[in-house]
Amino acid sequence: MYETGERRRTVQLLLKAALAGVREAQLNLANIYDDADGVRRDIAKGRYWYKRAITQGLPEGAYNLGMSYLNRGDKRRAKRWFMVAKSMGSEDAVERLSR
């Protein structure tokens, strides 16, 4: 649905799944809010859903949260979340921290 342009319906379904605890839905919803892809950018909502995905063991949530901070100039917080992602097994975080 998302790729066919049905952004609003996709967000509704992702929200339903995210509220039910589906960590991949939480991550995708966070990405959509953080990137303003089909919705109004809401960094706070994006970060909320990244953190929900992290608490469920999804290292991509920590990595993407780090990228959210890095993209907005907060290197200190970005590094903190990259370290969390690394501790969760993220190879992307290992690579990012080596730069």
C-alpha atoms as a PDB file:
ATOM      1  CA  MET A   1       0.000   0.000   0.000  1.00  0.00           C
ATOM      2  CA  TYR A   2       2.741   2.416   0.965  1.00  0.00           C
ATOM      3  CA  GLU A   3       4.579   2.006  -2.333  1.00  0.00           C
ATOM      4  CA  THR A   4       1.396   2.526  -4.340  1.00  0.00           C
ATOM      5  CA  GLY A   5       0.907   5.918  -2.714  1.00  0.00           C
ATOM      6  CA  GLU A   6      -1.712   5.043  -0.136  1.00  0.00           C
ATOM      7  CA  ARG A   7       0.246   6.815   2.585  1.00  0.00           C
ATOM      8  CA  ARG A   8      -2.635   7.717   4.871  1.00  0.00           C
ATOM      9  CA  ARG A   9      -4.019   4.172   4.945  1.00  0.00           C
ATOM     10  CA  THR A  10      -0.530   2.764   5.411  1.00  0.00           C
ATOM     11  CA  VAL A  11       0.087   5.013   8.404  1.00  0.00           C
ATOM     12  CA  GLN A  12      -3.259   3.966   9.902  1.00  0.00           C
ATOM     13  CA  LEU A  13      -2.399   0.288   9.559  1.00  0.00           C
ATOM     14  CA  LEU A  14       1.143   0.768  10.839  1.00  0.00           C
ATOM     15  CA  LEU A  15      -0.183   2.652  13.840  1.00  0.00           C
ATOM     16  CA  LYS A  16      -2.605  -0.149  14.631  1.00  0.00           C
ATOM     17  CA  ALA A  17       0.184  -2.737  14.384  1.00  0.00           C
ATOM     18  CA  ALA A  18       2.629  -0.543  16.325  1.00  0.00           C
ATOM     19  CA  LEU A  19       0.141  -0.126  19.160  1.00  0.00           C
ATOM     20  CA  ALA A  20      -0.272  -3.907  19.181  1.00  0.00           C
ATOM     21  CA  GLY A  21       3.473  -4.228  19.754  1.00  0.00           C
ATOM     22  CA  VAL A  22       4.745  -5.154  16.294  1.00  0.00           C
ATOM     23  CA  ARG A  23       8.283  -3.816  16.460  1.00  0.00           C
ATOM     24  CA  GLU A  24       8.790  -3.636  12.688  1.00  0.00           C
ATOM     25  CA  ALA A  25       5.653  -1.503  12.440  1.00  0.00           C
ATOM     26  CA  GLN A  26       7.021   0.717  15.199  1.00  0.00           C
ATOM     27  CA  LEU A  27      10.261   1.165  13.267  1.00  0.00           C
ATOM     28  CA  ASN A  28       8.509   1.879   9.980  1.00  0.00           C
ATOM     29  CA  LEU A  29       6.146   4.347  11.613  1.00  0.00           C
ATOM     30  CA  ALA A  30       9.094   6.100  13.254  1.00  0.00           C
ATOM     31  CA  ASN A  31      10.857   6.366   9.902  1.00  0.00           C
ATOM     32  CA  ILE A  32       7.770   7.837   8.266  1.00  0.00           C
ATOM     33  CA  TYR A  33       7.346  10.500  10.955  1.00  0.00           C
ATOM     34  CA  ASP A  34      11.050  11.299  11.112  1.00  0.00           C
ATOM     35  CA  ASP A  35      11.372  11.609   7.323  1.00  0.00           C
ATOM     36  CA  ALA A  36       7.995  13.299   6.775  1.00  0.00           C
ATOM     37  CA  ASP A  37       7.262  10.697   4.126  1.00  0.00           C
ATOM     38  CA  GLY A  38       3.577  11.042   3.406  1.00  0.00           C
ATOM     39  CA  VAL A  39       2.821  12.688   6.737  1.00  0.00           C
ATOM     40  CA  ARG A  40       3.715  15.925   8.425  1.00  0.00           C
ATOM     41  CA  ARG A  41       7.155  15.628  10.031  1.00  0.00           C
ATOM     42  CA  ASP A  42       6.811  14.921  13.712  1.00  0.00           C
ATOM     43  CA  ILE A  43      10.233  14.283  15.171  1.00  0.00           C
ATOM     44  CA  ALA A  44       8.840  13.661  18.648  1.00  0.00           C
ATOM     45  CA  LYS A  45       6.497  10.938  17.367  1.00  0.00           C
ATOM     46  CA  GLY A  46       9.288   9.444  15.313  1.00  0.00           C
ATOM     47  CA  ARG A  47      11.609   9.280  18.292  1.00  0.00           C
ATOM     48  CA  TYR A  48       8.855   7.852  20.475  1.00  0.00           C
ATOM     49  CA  TRP A  49       8.329   4.973  18.064  1.00  0.00           C
ATOM     50  CA  TYR A  50      12.070   4.403  17.648  1.00  0.00           C
ATOM     51  CA  LYS A  51      12.325   4.015  21.408  1.00  0.00           C
ATOM     52  CA  ARG A  52       9.393   1.581  21.489  1.00  0.00           C
ATOM     53  CA  ALA A  53      11.135  -0.539  18.846  1.00  0.00           C
ATOM     54  CA  ILE A  54      14.379  -0.384  20.832  1.00  0.00           C
ATOM     55  CA  THR A  55      12.685  -1.624  23.995  1.00  0.00           C
ATOM     56  CA  GLN A  56      11.541  -4.622  21.978  1.00  0.00           C
ATOM     57  CA  GLY A  57      15.096  -5.441  20.947  1.00  0.00           C
ATOM     58  CA  LEU A  58      15.271  -3.928  17.474  1.00  0.00           C
ATOM     59  CA  PRO A  59      18.789  -2.521  16.921  1.00  0.00           C
ATOM     60  CA  GLU A  60      17.655  -0.657  13.802  1.00  0.00           C
ATOM     61  CA  GLY A  61      15.541   1.502  16.086  1.00  0.00           C
ATOM     62  CA  ALA A  62      18.603   2.633  18.029  1.00  0.00           C
ATOM     63  CA  TYR A  63      20.624   3.155  14.848  1.00  0.00           C
ATOM     64  CA  ASN A  64      17.860   5.156  13.171  1.00  0.00           C
ATOM     65  CA  LEU A  65      17.344   7.214  16.314  1.00  0.00           C
ATOM     66  CA  GLY A  66      21.052   7.982  16.246  1.00  0.00           C
ATOM     67  CA  MET A  67      20.727   9.054  12.619  1.00  0.00           C
ATOM     68  CA  SER A  68      17.770  11.257  13.531  1.00  0.00           C
ATOM     69  CA  TYR A  69      19.922  13.105  16.049  1.00  0.00           C
ATOM     70  CA  LEU A  70      22.931  13.219  13.728  1.00  0.00           C
ATOM     71  CA  ASN A  71      20.865  14.633  10.857  1.00  0.00           C
ATOM     72  CA  ARG A  72      19.782  17.451  13.152  1.00  0.00           C
ATOM     73  CA  GLY A  73      23.286  18.246  14.379  1.00  0.00           C
ATOM     74  CA  ASP A  74      23.245  16.591  17.807  1.00  0.00           C
ATOM     75  CA  LYS A  75      26.392  14.463  17.581  1.00  0.00           C
ATOM     76  CA  ARG A  76      26.492  13.694  21.300  1.00  0.00           C
ATOM     77  CA  ARG A  77      23.050  12.094  21.399  1.00  0.00           C
ATOM     78  CA  ALA A  78      23.660  10.429  18.049  1.00  0.00           C
ATOM     79  CA  LYS A  79      26.778   8.741  19.385  1.00  0.00           C
ATOM     80  CA  ARG A  80      24.892   7.576  22.465  1.00  0.00           C
ATOM     81  CA  TRP A  81      22.259   5.834  20.333  1.00  0.00           C
ATOM     82  CA  PHE A  82      24.878   4.403  17.976  1.00  0.00           C
ATOM     83  CA  MET A  83      26.546   2.864  21.032  1.00  0.00           C
ATOM     84  CA  VAL A  84      23.210   1.370  22.092  1.00  0.00           C
ATOM     85  CA  ALA A  85      22.698  -0.002  18.574  1.00  0.00           C
ATOM     86  CA  LYS A  86      26.217  -1.439  18.602  1.00  0.00           C
ATOM     87  CA  SER A  87      25.544  -3.173  21.921  1.00  0.00           C
ATOM     88  CA  MET A  88      22.434  -4.682  20.328  1.00  0.00           C
ATOM     89  CA  GLY A  89      24.477  -6.084  17.448  1.00  0.00           C
ATOM     90  CA  SER A  90      24.094  -3.448  14.729  1.00  0.00           C
ATOM     91  CA  GLU A  91      26.881  -3.656  12.156  1.00  0.00           C
ATOM     92  CA  ASP A  92      25.731  -0.305  10.753  1.00  0.00           C
ATOM     93  CA  ALA A  93      26.396   1.280  14.133  1.00  0.00           C
ATOM     94  CA  VAL A  94      29.837  -0.310  14.318  1.00  0.00           C
ATOM     95  CA  GLU A  95      30.648   1.163  10.912  1.00  0.00           C
ATOM     96  CA  ARG A  96      29.230   4.587  11.810  1.00  0.00           C
ATOM     97  CA  LEU A  97      31.199   4.744  15.055  1.00  0.00           C
ATOM     98  CA  SER A  98      34.433   3.907  13.246  1.00  0.00           C
ATOM     99  CA  ARG A  99      34.186   7.088  11.127  1.00  0.00           C
END
